[in-house]
C-alpha atoms as a PDB file:
ATOM      1  CA  MET A   1     -14.174  -6.624  -3.967  1.00  0.00           C
ATOM      2  CA  LYS A   2     -13.478  -9.463  -6.477  1.00  0.00           C
ATOM      3  CA  MET A   3     -10.897  -8.267  -9.470  1.00  0.00           C
ATOM      4  CA  PRO A   4      -9.551 -10.483 -12.984  1.00  0.00           C
ATOM      5  CA  THR A   5      -6.139 -11.276 -12.386  1.00  0.00           C
ATOM      6  CA  LYS A   6      -6.198 -10.593 -16.410  1.00  0.00           C
ATOM      7  CA  PHE A   7      -7.651  -7.825 -17.871  1.00  0.00           C
ATOM      8  CA  LYS A   8      -6.576  -5.584 -21.093  1.00  0.00           C
ATOM      9  CA  THR A   9      -5.743  -1.539 -20.222  1.00  0.00           C
ATOM     10  CA  TYR A  10      -3.910   0.797 -20.475  1.00  0.00           C
ATOM     11  CA  CYS A  11       0.231   0.297 -20.275  1.00  0.00           C
ATOM     12  CA  PRO A  12       1.643   4.053 -20.195  1.00  0.00           C
ATOM     13  CA  LYS A  13       4.862   2.441 -21.427  1.00  0.00           C
ATOM     14  CA  CYS A  14       3.564   1.144 -24.635  1.00  0.00           C
ATOM     15  CA  ARG A  15       1.301   4.040 -24.393  1.00  0.00           C
ATOM     16  CA  ASN A  16      -2.314   1.583 -25.784  1.00  0.00           C
ATOM     17  CA  HIS A  17      -4.391  -0.948 -24.387  1.00  0.00           C
ATOM     18  CA  GLN A  18      -2.690  -4.452 -23.414  1.00  0.00           C
ATOM     19  CA  MET A  19      -3.338  -7.636 -21.315  1.00  0.00           C
ATOM     20  CA  HIS A  20      -2.000  -6.891 -17.875  1.00  0.00           C
ATOM     21  CA  GLU A  21      -1.584  -9.319 -14.999  1.00  0.00           C
ATOM     22  CA  VAL A  22      -2.887  -7.957 -11.368  1.00  0.00           C
ATOM     23  CA  GLU A  23      -0.771  -8.677  -8.344  1.00  0.00           C
ATOM     24  CA  LYS A  24      -1.789  -7.185  -4.740  1.00  0.00           C
ATOM     25  CA  VAL A  25       1.453  -5.108  -3.502  1.00  0.00           C
ATOM     26  CA  LYS A  26       2.567  -6.689   0.059  1.00  0.00           C
ATOM     27  CA  LYS A  27       3.352  -4.633   2.685  1.00  0.00           C
ATOM     28  CA  SER A  28       7.313  -4.471   3.587  1.00  0.00           C
ATOM     29  CA  LYS A  29       9.183  -4.888   6.518  1.00  0.00           C
ATOM     30  CA  THR A  30       9.548  -1.253   8.663  1.00  0.00           C
ATOM     31  CA  THR A  31      13.728  -1.212   9.777  1.00  0.00           C
ATOM     32  CA  GLY A  32      11.990   0.877  13.012  1.00  0.00           C
ATOM     33  CA  LEU A  33      14.920   3.277  12.182  1.00  0.00           C
ATOM     34  CA  HIS A  34      12.274   6.545  11.195  1.00  0.00           C
ATOM     35  CA  TRP A  35      12.564   9.788  12.770  1.00  0.00           C
ATOM     36  CA  ILE A  36       9.625   9.176  14.953  1.00  0.00           C
ATOM     37  CA  ASP A  37      10.903   6.700  16.830  1.00  0.00           C
ATOM     38  CA  ARG A  38      14.856   8.408  17.410  1.00  0.00           C
ATOM     39  CA  GLN A  39      12.369  11.352  18.441  1.00  0.00           C
ATOM     40  CA  LYS A  40      10.424   9.422  20.959  1.00  0.00           C
ATOM     41  CA  ALA A  41      13.301   7.888  21.898  1.00  0.00           C
ATOM     42  CA  ARG A  42      14.920  11.461  23.274  1.00  0.00           C
ATOM     43  CA  ARG A  43      12.143  12.315  25.501  1.00  0.00           C
ATOM     44  CA  GLY A  44      13.471   9.696  27.743  1.00  0.00           C
ATOM     45  CA  SER A  45      10.644   7.702  30.163  1.00  0.00           C
ATOM     46  CA  VAL A  46      10.423   9.873  32.773  1.00  0.00           C
ATOM     47  CA  GLY A  47       8.015  12.905  33.070  1.00  0.00           C
ATOM     48  CA  ASN A  48       5.340  14.264  30.313  1.00  0.00           C
ATOM     49  CA  MET A  49       6.045  12.456  27.414  1.00  0.00           C
ATOM     50  CA  GLY A  50       4.153  15.741  25.228  1.00  0.00           C
ATOM     51  CA  LYS A  51       2.691  13.983  22.261  1.00  0.00           C
ATOM     52  CA  PHE A  52       3.281  10.657  22.798  1.00  0.00           C
ATOM     53  CA  SER A  53       1.426  10.896  25.823  1.00  0.00           C
ATOM     54  CA  LYS A  54      -1.896  11.096  23.650  1.00  0.00           C
ATOM     55  CA  VAL A  55      -4.253   7.845  23.870  1.00  0.00           C
ATOM     56  CA  PRO A  56      -3.429   6.812  20.185  1.00  0.00           C
ATOM     57  CA  GLY A  57      -7.141   6.349  18.037  1.00  0.00           C
ATOM     58  CA  GLY A  58      -8.675   3.097  16.940  1.00  0.00           C
ATOM     59  CA  ASP A  59      -7.757   1.130  13.495  1.00  0.00           C
ATOM     60  CA  LYS A  60     -10.007   1.817  10.499  1.00  0.00           C
ATOM     61  CA  PRO A  61     -12.938   0.005   9.651  1.00  0.00           C
ATOM     62  CA  THR A  62     -10.798  -0.472   5.869  1.00  0.00           C
ATOM     63  CA  LYS A  63      -7.399  -0.507   4.573  1.00  0.00           C
ATOM     64  CA  LYS A  64      -6.180   1.076   1.815  1.00  0.00           C
ATOM     65  CA  ILE A  65      -4.590  -1.428  -0.528  1.00  0.00           C
ATOM     66  CA  ASN A  66      -2.338  -1.096  -3.745  1.00  0.00           C
ATOM     67  CA  VAL A  67      -2.774  -2.896  -6.940  1.00  0.00           C
ATOM     68  CA  ARG A  68       0.677  -3.714  -8.984  1.00  0.00           C
ATOM     69  CA  TYR A  69      -0.367  -3.992 -12.874  1.00  0.00           C
ATOM     70  CA  ARG A  70       1.901  -5.482 -14.700  1.00  0.00           C
ATOM     71  CA  CYS A  71       1.908  -5.652 -19.182  1.00  0.00           C
ATOM     72  CA  SER A  72       2.102  -8.814 -20.759  1.00  0.00           C
ATOM     73  CA  VAL A  73       3.530  -7.583 -23.654  1.00  0.00           C
ATOM     74  CA  CYS A  74       6.486  -5.147 -22.115  1.00  0.00           C
ATOM     75  CA  GLY A  75       6.129  -6.199 -18.829  1.00  0.00           C
ATOM     76  CA  LYS A  76       6.288  -3.211 -17.044  1.00  0.00           C
ATOM     77  CA  ALA A  77       4.755  -2.652 -13.935  1.00  0.00           C
ATOM     78  CA  HIS A  78       2.412   0.573 -12.655  1.00  0.00           C
ATOM     79  CA  LEU A  79       0.160   1.564  -9.932  1.00  0.00           C
ATOM     80  CA  ARG A  80      -2.801   3.177  -9.231  1.00  0.00           C
ATOM     81  CA  LYS A  81      -3.798   5.074  -6.889  1.00  0.00           C
ATOM     82  CA  GLY A  82      -4.996   3.088  -3.335  1.00  0.00           C
ATOM     83  CA  PHE A  83      -8.333   2.232  -2.784  1.00  0.00           C
ATOM     84  CA  ARG A  84     -10.104   1.415   0.611  1.00  0.00           C
ATOM     85  CA  ILE A  85     -11.623  -1.519   0.864  1.00  0.00           C
ATOM     86  CA  SER A  86     -12.581  -4.464   3.225  1.00  0.00           C
ATOM     87  CA  LYS A  87     -12.108  -7.651   1.524  1.00  0.00           C
ATOM     88  CA  PHE A  88      -9.733  -7.915  -1.937  1.00  0.00           C
ATOM     89  CA  GLU A  89      -9.801 -10.766  -4.082  1.00  0.00           C
ATOM     90  CA  LEU A  90      -8.403 -11.935  -7.515  1.00  0.00           C
ATOM     91  CA  THR A  91     -10.619 -14.165  -9.709  1.00  0.00           C
ATOM     92  CA  GLU A  92      -9.347 -15.854 -12.742  1.00  0.00           C
END
């Protein structure tokens, strides 16, 4: 999908349509300190691991991406609901 880098859309802060700059949201680094990782570590390595012994499924054919829209008037950025797409390209 090709999307323009600048286009006019609704700004929730200004409450009217303004020019917005578009940028793809990059994935942030994970710390690895989530509750599921701690739960998996508590199970130990001997015997049945319960729900962790199941074979995981494969990846989805497309990934959800998030796009950030930054207003050129007030400078505030907002997100919309992410959508599934295989290829994303920003055009002039």
